[in-house]
N, C-alpha and C. Protein backbone atom coordinates (compact mmCIF):
# COMPACT_ATOMS: atom_id res chain seq x y z
N UNK A 1 0.76 -1.20 -0.04
CA UNK A 1 0.11 -0.07 -0.01
C UNK A 1 0.86 1.17 0.06
N UNK A 2 0.42 2.15 -0.86
CA UNK A 2 1.26 3.49 -0.91
C UNK A 2 0.94 4.23 0.30
N UNK A 3 1.96 4.92 0.97
CA UNK A 3 1.83 5.76 2.04
C UNK A 3 1.45 7.12 1.41
N UNK A 4 0.53 7.74 2.20
CA UNK A 4 0.18 9.06 1.68
C UNK A 4 0.27 10.01 2.81
N UNK A 5 0.54 11.25 2.45
CA UNK A 5 0.62 12.27 3.55
C UNK A 5 -0.32 13.46 3.23
N UNK A 6 -1.10 13.81 4.25
CA UNK A 6 -2.20 14.93 4.03
C UNK A 6 -1.63 16.09 4.73
N UNK A 7 -1.47 17.14 4.07
CA UNK A 7 -1.05 18.26 4.71
C UNK A 7 -1.99 19.10 5.61
N UNK A 8 -3.27 19.10 5.14
CA UNK A 8 -4.22 19.72 5.92
C UNK A 8 -5.50 19.02 5.92
N UNK A 9 -6.23 18.67 7.11
CA UNK A 9 -7.47 18.19 6.90
C UNK A 9 -8.34 18.88 7.96
N UNK A 10 -9.67 18.86 7.76
CA UNK A 10 -10.50 19.71 8.87
C UNK A 10 -11.55 18.52 9.04
N UNK A 11 -12.08 18.80 10.24
CA UNK A 11 -13.29 17.79 10.62
C UNK A 11 -14.43 17.99 9.74
N UNK A 12 -14.54 19.27 9.06
CA UNK A 12 -15.55 19.47 8.04
C UNK A 12 -15.34 18.67 6.74
N UNK A 13 -14.20 18.03 6.58
CA UNK A 13 -13.99 17.19 5.49
C UNK A 13 -14.59 15.74 5.59
N UNK A 14 -14.98 15.33 6.71
CA UNK A 14 -15.33 14.13 6.89
C UNK A 14 -16.69 13.74 6.31
N UNK A 15 -17.70 14.71 6.46
CA UNK A 15 -19.16 14.52 5.74
C UNK A 15 -18.96 14.49 4.39
N UNK A 16 -18.45 15.31 3.53
CA UNK A 16 -18.43 15.26 2.07
C UNK A 16 -17.67 14.02 1.71
N UNK A 17 -16.71 13.67 2.34
CA UNK A 17 -15.98 12.50 2.00
C UNK A 17 -16.82 11.18 2.25
N UNK A 18 -17.44 11.24 3.38
CA UNK A 18 -18.37 9.95 3.52
C UNK A 18 -19.59 9.84 2.65
N UNK A 19 -20.01 11.11 2.29
CA UNK A 19 -21.15 10.99 1.44
C UNK A 19 -20.68 10.49 0.08
N UNK A 20 -19.58 10.90 -0.54
CA UNK A 20 -18.92 10.44 -1.82
C UNK A 20 -18.61 8.85 -1.65
N UNK A 21 -18.17 8.40 -0.62
CA UNK A 21 -17.84 6.98 -0.29
C UNK A 21 -19.14 6.28 -0.25
N UNK A 22 -20.30 6.95 0.12
CA UNK A 22 -21.39 6.11 0.17
C UNK A 22 -22.16 6.16 -1.20
N UNK A 23 -21.52 6.84 -2.10
CA UNK A 23 -22.36 6.93 -3.38
C UNK A 23 -23.19 8.16 -3.57
N UNK A 24 -23.28 9.09 -2.70
CA UNK A 24 -24.09 10.26 -2.55
C UNK A 24 -23.34 11.51 -2.85
N UNK A 25 -23.91 12.45 -3.46
CA UNK A 25 -23.30 13.72 -3.77
C UNK A 25 -22.94 14.51 -2.47
N UNK A 26 -21.80 15.27 -2.61
CA UNK A 26 -21.53 16.15 -1.46
C UNK A 26 -22.19 17.52 -1.99
N UNK A 27 -22.53 18.27 -1.01
CA UNK A 27 -23.22 19.56 -1.13
C UNK A 27 -22.10 20.52 -1.42
N UNK A 28 -22.23 21.50 -2.47
CA UNK A 28 -21.28 22.42 -2.72
C UNK A 28 -21.14 23.51 -1.64
N UNK A 29 -22.39 23.62 -0.88
CA UNK A 29 -22.24 24.51 0.30
C UNK A 29 -21.68 24.02 1.61
N UNK A 30 -21.17 22.86 1.67
CA UNK A 30 -20.53 22.22 2.74
C UNK A 30 -19.20 22.85 3.04
N UNK A 31 -18.83 23.10 4.18
CA UNK A 31 -17.63 23.75 4.53
C UNK A 31 -16.48 22.87 4.20
N UNK A 32 -16.42 21.58 4.23
CA UNK A 32 -15.38 20.67 4.04
C UNK A 32 -15.40 20.28 2.65
N UNK A 33 -14.21 19.45 2.35
CA UNK A 33 -14.13 19.05 0.97
C UNK A 33 -14.05 17.59 0.95
N UNK A 34 -14.14 17.02 -0.25
CA UNK A 34 -13.86 15.59 -0.41
C UNK A 34 -12.35 15.29 -0.50
N UNK A 35 -11.93 14.50 0.43
CA UNK A 35 -10.48 14.05 0.64
C UNK A 35 -10.04 13.06 -0.38
N UNK A 36 -9.95 13.73 -1.59
CA UNK A 36 -9.77 12.72 -2.84
C UNK A 36 -8.41 11.98 -2.60
N UNK A 37 -7.34 12.51 -1.97
CA UNK A 37 -6.06 11.84 -1.70
C UNK A 37 -6.12 10.50 -1.08
N UNK A 38 -7.17 10.16 -0.46
CA UNK A 38 -7.16 8.78 0.27
C UNK A 38 -7.86 7.84 -0.60
N UNK A 39 -8.38 8.23 -1.72
CA UNK A 39 -8.78 7.12 -2.66
C UNK A 39 -7.82 6.87 -3.91
N UNK A 40 -8.02 5.71 -4.34
CA UNK A 40 -7.19 5.24 -5.48
C UNK A 40 -7.60 5.89 -6.78
N UNK A 41 -6.88 6.08 -7.79
CA UNK A 41 -7.25 6.55 -8.95
C UNK A 41 -8.41 5.77 -9.54
N UNK A 42 -8.19 4.46 -9.49
CA UNK A 42 -9.20 3.57 -9.82
C UNK A 42 -10.52 3.76 -9.27
N UNK A 43 -10.50 3.93 -7.93
CA UNK A 43 -11.72 4.33 -7.29
C UNK A 43 -12.48 5.64 -7.75
N UNK A 44 -11.52 6.61 -8.00
CA UNK A 44 -12.16 7.87 -8.44
C UNK A 44 -12.71 7.72 -9.87
N UNK A 45 -12.01 6.85 -10.71
CA UNK A 45 -12.53 6.70 -12.19
C UNK A 45 -13.90 6.06 -11.94
N UNK A 46 -14.01 4.93 -11.06
CA UNK A 46 -15.26 4.19 -11.08
C UNK A 46 -16.36 5.02 -10.37
N UNK A 47 -16.00 5.80 -9.39
CA UNK A 47 -17.05 6.54 -8.56
C UNK A 47 -16.53 7.96 -8.53
N UNK A 48 -16.55 8.88 -9.58
CA UNK A 48 -16.24 10.21 -9.59
C UNK A 48 -17.15 11.03 -8.65
N UNK A 49 -16.53 11.70 -7.70
CA UNK A 49 -17.20 12.54 -6.80
C UNK A 49 -18.35 13.39 -7.41
N UNK A 50 -19.66 13.30 -6.93
CA UNK A 50 -20.61 14.12 -7.64
C UNK A 50 -21.09 15.10 -6.50
N UNK A 51 -21.65 16.21 -7.14
CA UNK A 51 -21.92 17.35 -6.05
C UNK A 51 -23.42 17.76 -6.53
N UNK A 52 -24.07 18.30 -5.39
CA UNK A 52 -25.24 18.94 -5.54
C UNK A 52 -25.25 20.40 -4.98
N UNK A 53 -25.89 21.36 -5.25
CA UNK A 53 -25.85 22.77 -4.87
C UNK A 53 -25.98 22.75 -3.25
N UNK A 54 -26.94 22.04 -2.78
CA UNK A 54 -27.13 21.98 -1.30
C UNK A 54 -28.11 21.02 -0.86
N UNK A 55 -27.97 20.52 0.22
CA UNK A 55 -29.00 19.72 0.97
C UNK A 55 -30.03 20.37 1.69
N UNK A 56 -29.70 21.69 1.75
CA UNK A 56 -30.80 22.53 2.45
C UNK A 56 -32.14 22.53 1.88
N UNK A 57 -33.24 22.08 2.60
CA UNK A 57 -34.33 22.15 2.40
C UNK A 57 -34.93 20.77 1.68
N UNK A 58 -33.90 19.75 1.72
CA UNK A 58 -34.36 18.51 1.17
C UNK A 58 -34.94 17.63 2.47
N UNK A 59 -36.07 17.21 2.30
CA UNK A 59 -36.75 16.38 3.32
C UNK A 59 -37.34 15.07 2.92
N UNK A 60 -37.21 14.05 3.66
CA UNK A 60 -37.70 12.70 3.17
C UNK A 60 -38.30 12.22 4.49
N UNK A 61 -39.30 11.36 4.14
CA UNK A 61 -40.15 10.70 5.40
C UNK A 61 -39.19 9.92 6.04
N UNK A 62 -38.23 8.99 5.45
CA UNK A 62 -37.35 8.14 5.89
C UNK A 62 -36.22 7.91 5.00
N UNK A 63 -35.01 7.35 5.41
CA UNK A 63 -34.09 7.04 4.70
C UNK A 63 -34.12 5.64 4.13
N UNK A 64 -35.15 4.92 4.10
CA UNK A 64 -35.41 3.61 3.62
C UNK A 64 -35.19 3.60 2.08
N UNK A 65 -35.42 4.68 1.34
CA UNK A 65 -35.39 4.61 -0.09
C UNK A 65 -33.84 5.03 -0.56
N UNK A 66 -32.94 5.19 0.44
CA UNK A 66 -31.49 5.63 0.00
C UNK A 66 -30.67 4.33 0.18
N UNK A 67 -30.18 3.92 -0.93
CA UNK A 67 -29.29 2.60 -0.83
C UNK A 67 -28.04 2.84 -1.57
N UNK A 68 -26.96 2.00 -1.17
CA UNK A 68 -25.95 2.01 -2.02
C UNK A 68 -25.13 0.72 -1.67
N UNK A 69 -24.14 0.28 -2.64
CA UNK A 69 -23.45 -0.91 -2.38
C UNK A 69 -22.07 -0.78 -2.84
N UNK A 70 -21.26 -1.42 -2.13
CA UNK A 70 -19.76 -1.52 -2.67
C UNK A 70 -19.29 -2.70 -2.71
N UNK A 71 -18.39 -3.11 -3.69
CA UNK A 71 -18.01 -4.52 -3.77
C UNK A 71 -16.95 -4.75 -2.70
N UNK A 72 -16.81 -6.02 -2.31
CA UNK A 72 -15.82 -6.41 -1.32
C UNK A 72 -14.30 -5.82 -1.47
N UNK A 73 -13.82 -5.88 -2.70
CA UNK A 73 -12.53 -5.26 -3.07
C UNK A 73 -12.38 -3.88 -2.63
N UNK A 74 -13.59 -3.01 -2.91
CA UNK A 74 -13.50 -1.68 -2.54
C UNK A 74 -13.50 -1.55 -1.15
N UNK A 75 -14.40 -2.22 -0.36
CA UNK A 75 -14.48 -2.23 1.03
C UNK A 75 -13.23 -2.54 1.70
N UNK A 76 -12.55 -3.67 1.25
CA UNK A 76 -11.26 -4.16 1.73
C UNK A 76 -10.18 -2.93 1.56
N UNK A 77 -10.25 -2.26 0.46
CA UNK A 77 -9.26 -1.14 0.19
C UNK A 77 -9.54 0.03 1.10
N UNK A 78 -10.69 0.36 1.25
CA UNK A 78 -11.04 1.42 2.16
C UNK A 78 -10.66 1.11 3.71
N UNK A 79 -10.89 -0.05 4.05
CA UNK A 79 -10.49 -0.53 5.34
C UNK A 79 -8.96 -0.38 5.65
N UNK A 80 -8.15 -0.87 4.59
CA UNK A 80 -6.74 -0.96 4.57
C UNK A 80 -6.47 0.63 4.76
N UNK A 81 -6.90 1.42 4.04
CA UNK A 81 -6.49 2.80 4.11
C UNK A 81 -6.77 3.62 5.43
N UNK A 82 -8.05 3.33 6.02
CA UNK A 82 -8.42 3.64 7.42
C UNK A 82 -7.47 3.11 8.22
N UNK A 83 -7.20 1.94 8.36
CA UNK A 83 -6.07 1.32 9.22
C UNK A 83 -4.68 2.10 9.00
N UNK A 84 -4.39 2.29 7.91
CA UNK A 84 -3.14 2.97 7.71
C UNK A 84 -3.16 4.43 8.24
N UNK A 85 -4.22 5.02 8.18
CA UNK A 85 -4.45 6.39 8.67
C UNK A 85 -4.66 6.46 10.26
N UNK A 86 -4.76 5.24 10.81
CA UNK A 86 -4.93 5.05 12.46
C UNK A 86 -6.44 5.19 12.78
N UNK A 87 -7.48 5.23 11.91
CA UNK A 87 -8.83 5.47 12.19
C UNK A 87 -9.44 4.14 12.74
N UNK A 88 -8.87 2.98 12.30
CA UNK A 88 -9.47 1.68 12.90
C UNK A 88 -8.33 0.80 13.24
N UNK A 89 -8.56 -0.13 13.90
CA UNK A 89 -7.52 -1.18 14.47
C UNK A 89 -7.63 -2.39 13.45
């Protein structure tokens, strides 16, 4: 696994990054950014980050209609990166 160094991260970067990882668009009005450096070029080609203007005013009765799936290889790669960054053991 290639070691990466991230110069500056903010707590605000987590939400847009998790949204993209979940297959959902990040909001252009969010304070944070998608941390593209943690994803492989292959992942970004397969799942390029998408954006919407804002989640402001979007209401749903439930989240049951929201679904996404990642293949086992992608999940494994994300887990390895999170371990390398010290987020999980």
